Amino acid sequence: TTLFRSSIGTLALRKAVCERLKEDMGLDYEPTNIICSSGAKHCLYLALKALINPGDEVIVVEPAWVTYSEIVRMVEGVPVSVLTRETDDFMLTPEELEAAITPKTKCIMLNNPSNPTGMLYYKEELEALAEVCVKHDLYIISDEIYYSLLYDGLTFTSMASLGEEIKKRTILINGVSKTYAMTGWRIGYMAASKEIISVAES
């Protein structure tokens, strides 16, 4: 049966994703932690489909890629927009995240580096957000597809690299279209716990 499980990506491709995540971000994943799909947008849908029950709330950090809220609605979730401001460099603060959480909140969607603002969360800023997510037992869908498009000596930190407690709550989304300018290849991937992967691939 392993031969025909190509809907989640060939084993060779998933191994290549693991190698890239290890080399670029210091992350340890096995092929069983990876799903490859027809693009990062497809992976976002799979992640939300695996997590969200009808009526669950998903925090969307705004300004955001227009697809985010619509994908949440597609899986019968409720997008909760938290608007960031230019005066704060479009950065979500832990206090703003905390204020948006309700008993129905299931996860937060975070795009780092951000489209459309171009802002980047540093490690310390991610750690502060991660602390809130752990406190409230929230998942993080971390869209990191622009991770290699950094300039002026900036350094990227993956949300999943902040320790095992946050890694098991993080669904990392990435792909080849931005880093390698391979839009036509339609290769996106997600990395997550085996429990989430088992639901997403079903």
C-alpha atoms as a PDB file:
ATOM      1  CA  THR A   1       0.000   0.000   0.000  1.00  0.00           C
ATOM      2  CA  THR A   2       2.925   2.377   0.588  1.00  0.00           C
ATOM      3  CA  LEU A   3       3.594   2.416  -3.150  1.00  0.00           C
ATOM      4  CA  PHE A   4       0.217   3.998  -3.893  1.00  0.00           C
ATOM      5  CA  ARG A   5       0.081   6.668  -1.144  1.00  0.00           C
ATOM      6  CA  SER A   6       1.152   9.364  -3.582  1.00  0.00           C
ATOM      7  CA  SER A   7      -1.707  11.696  -2.627  1.00  0.00           C
ATOM      8  CA  ILE A   8       0.410  12.960   0.293  1.00  0.00           C
ATOM      9  CA  GLY A   9       3.572  13.134  -1.816  1.00  0.00           C
ATOM     10  CA  THR A  10       6.115  10.498  -2.725  1.00  0.00           C
ATOM     11  CA  LEU A  11       8.447   9.294  -0.010  1.00  0.00           C
ATOM     12  CA  ALA A  12      11.415  10.832  -1.837  1.00  0.00           C
ATOM     13  CA  LEU A  13       9.706  14.228  -1.908  1.00  0.00           C
ATOM     14  CA  ARG A  14       8.729  14.102   1.763  1.00  0.00           C
ATOM     15  CA  LYS A  15      12.290  13.117   2.684  1.00  0.00           C
ATOM     16  CA  ALA A  16      13.558  16.100   0.692  1.00  0.00           C
ATOM     17  CA  VAL A  17      11.197  18.383   2.629  1.00  0.00           C
ATOM     18  CA  CYS A  18      12.541  16.991   5.920  1.00  0.00           C
ATOM     19  CA  GLU A  19      16.103  17.634   4.788  1.00  0.00           C
ATOM     20  CA  ARG A  20      15.272  21.216   3.809  1.00  0.00           C
ATOM     21  CA  LEU A  21      13.504  21.935   7.111  1.00  0.00           C
ATOM     22  CA  LYS A  22      16.491  20.539   8.996  1.00  0.00           C
ATOM     23  CA  GLU A  23      19.078  22.462   7.001  1.00  0.00           C
ATOM     24  CA  ASP A  24      17.242  25.797   6.875  1.00  0.00           C
ATOM     25  CA  MET A  25      15.458  25.876  10.232  1.00  0.00           C
ATOM     26  CA  GLY A  26      17.036  23.209  12.420  1.00  0.00           C
ATOM     27  CA  LEU A  27      13.745  21.293  12.587  1.00  0.00           C
ATOM     28  CA  ASP A  28      13.564  17.525  12.978  1.00  0.00           C
ATOM     29  CA  TYR A  29      10.656  15.914  11.144  1.00  0.00           C
ATOM     30  CA  GLU A  30      10.097  12.451   9.696  1.00  0.00           C
ATOM     31  CA  PRO A  31       8.359  11.824   6.356  1.00  0.00           C
ATOM     32  CA  THR A  32       5.325  10.716   8.384  1.00  0.00           C
ATOM     33  CA  ASN A  33       5.089  14.332   9.654  1.00  0.00           C
ATOM     34  CA  ILE A  34       4.807  15.710   6.112  1.00  0.00           C
ATOM     35  CA  ILE A  35       2.043  16.130   3.564  1.00  0.00           C
ATOM     36  CA  CYS A  36       2.846  17.502   0.113  1.00  0.00           C
ATOM     37  CA  SER A  37       0.047  18.955  -1.989  1.00  0.00           C
ATOM     38  CA  SER A  38      -0.755  21.114  -4.987  1.00  0.00           C
ATOM     39  CA  GLY A  39       0.404  24.301  -3.281  1.00  0.00           C
ATOM     40  CA  ALA A  40       0.551  26.081   0.070  1.00  0.00           C
ATOM     41  CA  LYS A  41      -3.089  27.191  -0.268  1.00  0.00           C
ATOM     42  CA  HIS A  42      -4.138  23.548  -0.505  1.00  0.00           C
ATOM     43  CA  CYS A  43      -2.111  22.830   2.644  1.00  0.00           C
ATOM     44  CA  LEU A  44      -3.825  25.670   4.491  1.00  0.00           C
ATOM     45  CA  TYR A  45      -7.163  24.101   3.608  1.00  0.00           C
ATOM     46  CA  LEU A  46      -6.008  20.655   4.763  1.00  0.00           C
ATOM     47  CA  ALA A  47      -4.721  22.080   8.044  1.00  0.00           C
ATOM     48  CA  LEU A  48      -7.970  23.876   8.794  1.00  0.00           C
ATOM     49  CA  LYS A  49     -10.065  20.900   7.714  1.00  0.00           C
ATOM     50  CA  ALA A  50      -8.127  18.747  10.174  1.00  0.00           C
ATOM     51  CA  LEU A  51      -8.554  21.185  13.065  1.00  0.00           C
ATOM     52  CA  ILE A  52     -11.845  23.010  12.737  1.00  0.00           C
ATOM     53  CA  ASN A  53     -15.315  21.897  13.733  1.00  0.00           C
ATOM     54  CA  PRO A  54     -18.314  24.027  12.693  1.00  0.00           C
ATOM     55  CA  GLY A  55     -18.368  27.214  14.750  1.00  0.00           C
ATOM     56  CA  ASP A  56     -14.760  27.063  15.906  1.00  0.00           C
ATOM     57  CA  GLU A  57     -13.018  30.422  15.809  1.00  0.00           C
ATOM     58  CA  VAL A  58      -9.747  31.084  13.997  1.00  0.00           C
ATOM     59  CA  ILE A  59      -7.777  34.241  14.727  1.00  0.00           C
ATOM     60  CA  VAL A  60      -6.581  35.895  11.512  1.00  0.00           C
ATOM     61  CA  VAL A  61      -3.908  38.553  11.870  1.00  0.00           C
ATOM     62  CA  GLU A  62      -4.769  41.475   9.562  1.00  0.00           C
ATOM     63  CA  PRO A  63      -3.734  42.813   7.103  1.00  0.00           C
ATOM     64  CA  ALA A  64      -3.659  39.295   5.711  1.00  0.00           C
ATOM     65  CA  TRP A  65      -3.669  37.396   2.478  1.00  0.00           C
ATOM     66  CA  VAL A  66      -7.299  37.560   1.351  1.00  0.00           C
ATOM     67  CA  THR A  67      -7.631  33.773   1.140  1.00  0.00           C
ATOM     68  CA  TYR A  68      -7.178  33.190   4.877  1.00  0.00           C
ATOM     69  CA  SER A  69     -10.632  34.198   6.082  1.00  0.00           C
ATOM     70  CA  GLU A  70     -12.337  32.572   3.110  1.00  0.00           C
ATOM     71  CA  ILE A  71     -10.640  29.219   3.745  1.00  0.00           C
ATOM     72  CA  VAL A  72     -11.773  29.391   7.379  1.00  0.00           C
ATOM     73  CA  ARG A  73     -15.352  29.907   6.166  1.00  0.00           C
ATOM     74  CA  MET A  74     -14.991  27.022   3.692  1.00  0.00           C
ATOM     75  CA  VAL A  75     -14.449  24.602   6.599  1.00  0.00           C
ATOM     76  CA  GLU A  76     -17.364  26.160   8.550  1.00  0.00           C
ATOM     77  CA  GLY A  77     -15.110  28.006  10.956  1.00  0.00           C
ATOM     78  CA  VAL A  78     -15.454  31.619  12.063  1.00  0.00           C
ATOM     79  CA  PRO A  79     -12.594  33.980  11.167  1.00  0.00           C
ATOM     80  CA  VAL A  80     -11.826  36.513  13.895  1.00  0.00           C
ATOM     81  CA  SER A  81      -9.822  39.401  12.475  1.00  0.00           C
ATOM     82  CA  VAL A  82      -7.297  41.173  14.671  1.00  0.00           C
ATOM     83  CA  LEU A  83      -6.154  44.340  12.939  1.00  0.00           C
ATOM     84  CA  THR A  84      -2.526  45.340  13.452  1.00  0.00           C
ATOM     85  CA  ARG A  85      -1.278  48.891  12.880  1.00  0.00           C
ATOM     86  CA  GLU A  86       1.523  50.484  10.922  1.00  0.00           C
ATOM     87  CA  THR A  87       2.611  52.342  14.057  1.00  0.00           C
ATOM     88  CA  ASP A  88       3.387  48.930  15.603  1.00  0.00           C
ATOM     89  CA  ASP A  89       5.095  47.665  12.421  1.00  0.00           C
ATOM     90  CA  PHE A  90       1.975  45.542  11.789  1.00  0.00           C
ATOM     91  CA  MET A  91       3.021  43.213  14.613  1.00  0.00           C
ATOM     92  CA  LEU A  92       0.493  41.285  16.701  1.00  0.00           C
ATOM     93  CA  THR A  93       1.218  41.740  20.390  1.00  0.00           C
ATOM     94  CA  PRO A  94       0.602  39.064  23.048  1.00  0.00           C
ATOM     95  CA  GLU A  95      -1.965  41.380  24.636  1.00  0.00           C
ATOM     96  CA  GLU A  96      -3.921  41.698  21.387  1.00  0.00           C
ATOM     97  CA  LEU A  97      -3.835  37.948  20.895  1.00  0.00           C
ATOM     98  CA  GLU A  98      -5.029  37.337  24.448  1.00  0.00           C
ATOM     99  CA  ALA A  99      -7.893  39.795  24.013  1.00  0.00           C
ATOM    100  CA  ALA A 100      -9.140  38.004  20.880  1.00  0.00           C
ATOM    101  CA  ILE A 101      -9.312  34.548  22.474  1.00  0.00           C
ATOM    102  CA  THR A 102     -12.695  33.119  23.464  1.00  0.00           C
ATOM    103  CA  PRO A 103     -13.802  29.634  24.570  1.00  0.00           C
ATOM    104  CA  LYS A 104     -14.434  28.883  20.874  1.00  0.00           C
ATOM    105  CA  THR A 105     -10.938  29.810  19.671  1.00  0.00           C
ATOM    106  CA  LYS A 106      -9.156  26.847  18.111  1.00  0.00           C
ATOM    107  CA  CYS A 107      -6.125  28.333  16.405  1.00  0.00           C
ATOM    108  CA  ILE A 108      -4.338  31.363  15.040  1.00  0.00           C
ATOM    109  CA  MET A 109      -3.163  31.842  11.459  1.00  0.00           C
ATOM    110  CA  LEU A 110       0.174  33.617  11.345  1.00  0.00           C
ATOM    111  CA  ASN A 111       2.043  34.568   8.171  1.00  0.00           C
ATOM    112  CA  ASN A 112       5.722  35.206   8.877  1.00  0.00           C
ATOM    113  CA  PRO A 113       7.223  37.028   6.994  1.00  0.00           C
ATOM    114  CA  SER A 114       3.929  38.694   6.199  1.00  0.00           C
ATOM    115  CA  ASN A 115       2.096  39.187   2.945  1.00  0.00           C
ATOM    116  CA  PRO A 116       1.089  41.982   2.368  1.00  0.00           C
ATOM    117  CA  THR A 117       2.936  44.035   5.008  1.00  0.00           C
ATOM    118  CA  GLY A 118       6.409  42.523   4.663  1.00  0.00           C
ATOM    119  CA  MET A 119       6.941  42.586   8.437  1.00  0.00           C
ATOM    120  CA  LEU A 120       8.984  39.917  10.212  1.00  0.00           C
ATOM    121  CA  TYR A 121       8.550  38.557  13.734  1.00  0.00           C
ATOM    122  CA  TYR A 122      11.821  38.110  15.601  1.00  0.00           C
ATOM    123  CA  LYS A 123      12.417  35.131  17.872  1.00  0.00           C
ATOM    124  CA  GLU A 124      11.536  36.992  21.068  1.00  0.00           C
ATOM    125  CA  GLU A 125       8.265  38.215  19.584  1.00  0.00           C
ATOM    126  CA  LEU A 126       7.317  34.713  18.453  1.00  0.00           C
ATOM    127  CA  GLU A 127       8.141  33.346  21.903  1.00  0.00           C
ATOM    128  CA  ALA A 128       5.743  35.827  23.496  1.00  0.00           C
ATOM    129  CA  LEU A 129       2.925  34.763  21.141  1.00  0.00           C
ATOM    130  CA  ALA A 130       3.779  31.092  21.642  1.00  0.00           C
ATOM    131  CA  GLU A 131       3.451  31.517  25.404  1.00  0.00           C
ATOM    132  CA  VAL A 132      -0.124  32.755  24.969  1.00  0.00           C
ATOM    133  CA  CYS A 133      -0.955  29.865  22.626  1.00  0.00           C
ATOM    134  CA  VAL A 134       0.394  27.276  25.052  1.00  0.00           C
ATOM    135  CA  LYS A 135      -1.496  28.909  27.933  1.00  0.00           C
ATOM    136  CA  HIS A 136      -4.785  28.620  26.032  1.00  0.00           C
ATOM    137  CA  ASP A 137      -3.955  25.320  24.289  1.00  0.00           C
ATOM    138  CA  LEU A 138      -4.269  26.841  20.814  1.00  0.00           C
ATOM    139  CA  TYR A 139      -2.874  25.543  17.548  1.00  0.00           C
ATOM    140  CA  ILE A 140      -0.813  27.769  15.276  1.00  0.00           C
ATOM    141  CA  ILE A 141      -0.998  27.553  11.511  1.00  0.00           C
ATOM    142  CA  SER A 142       2.335  29.129  10.662  1.00  0.00           C
ATOM    143  CA  ASP A 143       2.521  30.121   6.994  1.00  0.00           C
ATOM    144  CA  GLU A 144       6.263  30.489   6.411  1.00  0.00           C
ATOM    145  CA  ILE A 145       6.333  30.459   2.627  1.00  0.00           C
ATOM    146  CA  TYR A 146       8.288  33.744   2.447  1.00  0.00           C
ATOM    147  CA  TYR A 147      10.954  32.603   4.929  1.00  0.00           C
ATOM    148  CA  SER A 148      13.862  32.906   2.506  1.00  0.00           C
ATOM    149  CA  LEU A 149      12.915  36.332   1.148  1.00  0.00           C
ATOM    150  CA  LEU A 150      14.814  38.330   3.776  1.00  0.00           C
ATOM    151  CA  TYR A 151      17.128  41.262   3.258  1.00  0.00           C
ATOM    152  CA  ASP A 152      19.376  43.646   5.199  1.00  0.00           C
ATOM    153  CA  GLY A 153      20.815  40.850   7.320  1.00  0.00           C
ATOM    154  CA  LEU A 154      17.505  39.830   8.912  1.00  0.00           C
ATOM    155  CA  THR A 155      17.259  36.312  10.366  1.00  0.00           C
ATOM    156  CA  PHE A 156      14.196  34.071  10.161  1.00  0.00           C
ATOM    157  CA  THR A 157      12.951  31.973  13.079  1.00  0.00           C
ATOM    158  CA  SER A 158      10.364  29.248  12.542  1.00  0.00           C
ATOM    159  CA  MET A 159       7.574  29.065  15.095  1.00  0.00           C
ATOM    160  CA  ALA A 160       8.088  25.299  15.302  1.00  0.00           C
ATOM    161  CA  SER A 161      11.711  25.798  16.417  1.00  0.00           C
ATOM    162  CA  LEU A 162      10.751  27.301  19.781  1.00  0.00           C
ATOM    163  CA  GLY A 163      10.602  23.990  21.649  1.00  0.00           C
ATOM    164  CA  GLU A 164       8.588  20.792  21.700  1.00  0.00           C
ATOM    165  CA  GLU A 165       5.623  22.329  23.533  1.00  0.00           C
ATOM    166  CA  ILE A 166       4.956  24.775  20.709  1.00  0.00           C
ATOM    167  CA  LYS A 167       6.139  22.484  17.920  1.00  0.00           C
ATOM    168  CA  LYS A 168       3.376  19.961  18.642  1.00  0.00           C
ATOM    169  CA  ARG A 169       0.818  22.792  18.360  1.00  0.00           C
ATOM    170  CA  THR A 170       2.280  24.195  15.140  1.00  0.00           C
ATOM    171  CA  ILE A 171       1.250  23.301  11.617  1.00  0.00           C
ATOM    172  CA  LEU A 172       4.008  24.648   9.423  1.00  0.00           C
ATOM    173  CA  ILE A 173       3.012  25.632   5.886  1.00  0.00           C
ATOM    174  CA  ASN A 174       5.522  26.171   3.085  1.00  0.00           C
ATOM    175  CA  GLY A 175       6.158  25.485  -0.591  1.00  0.00           C
ATOM    176  CA  VAL A 176       8.477  26.014  -3.524  1.00  0.00           C
ATOM    177  CA  SER A 177       6.722  28.815  -5.390  1.00  0.00           C
ATOM    178  CA  LYS A 178       8.362  31.764  -3.604  1.00  0.00           C
ATOM    179  CA  THR A 179      11.832  30.543  -2.617  1.00  0.00           C
ATOM    180  CA  TYR A 180      12.553  28.810  -5.918  1.00  0.00           C
ATOM    181  CA  ALA A 181      10.191  30.742  -8.223  1.00  0.00           C
ATOM    182  CA  MET A 182       8.585  27.404  -9.167  1.00  0.00           C
ATOM    183  CA  THR A 183       4.940  28.439  -9.236  1.00  0.00           C
ATOM    184  CA  GLY A 184       4.039  26.096 -12.064  1.00  0.00           C
ATOM    185  CA  TRP A 185       5.247  22.999 -10.198  1.00  0.00           C
ATOM    186  CA  ARG A 186       2.415  23.391  -7.655  1.00  0.00           C
ATOM    187  CA  ILE A 187       4.284  21.913  -4.684  1.00  0.00           C
ATOM    188  CA  GLY A 188       3.230  22.959  -1.206  1.00  0.00           C
ATOM    189  CA  TYR A 189       3.842  21.122   2.023  1.00  0.00           C
ATOM    190  CA  MET A 190       2.818  21.034   5.643  1.00  0.00           C
ATOM    191  CA  ALA A 191       4.717  19.698   8.631  1.00  0.00           C
ATOM    192  CA  ALA A 192       2.878  18.762  11.799  1.00  0.00           C
ATOM    193  CA  SER A 193       2.443  16.146  14.493  1.00  0.00           C
ATOM    194  CA  LYS A 194       1.571  12.663  13.289  1.00  0.00           C
ATOM    195  CA  GLU A 195      -1.852  12.999  14.899  1.00  0.00           C
ATOM    196  CA  ILE A 196      -2.710  16.044  12.801  1.00  0.00           C
ATOM    197  CA  ILE A 197      -1.196  14.529   9.664  1.00  0.00           C
ATOM    198  CA  SER A 198      -3.277  11.366  10.088  1.00  0.00           C
ATOM    199  CA  VAL A 199      -6.478  13.457  10.137  1.00  0.00           C
ATOM    200  CA  ALA A 200      -5.392  15.765   7.306  1.00  0.00           C
ATOM    201  CA  GLU A 201      -4.529  12.918   4.949  1.00  0.00           C
ATOM    202  CA  SER A 202      -7.788  11.016   5.517  1.00  0.00           C
END
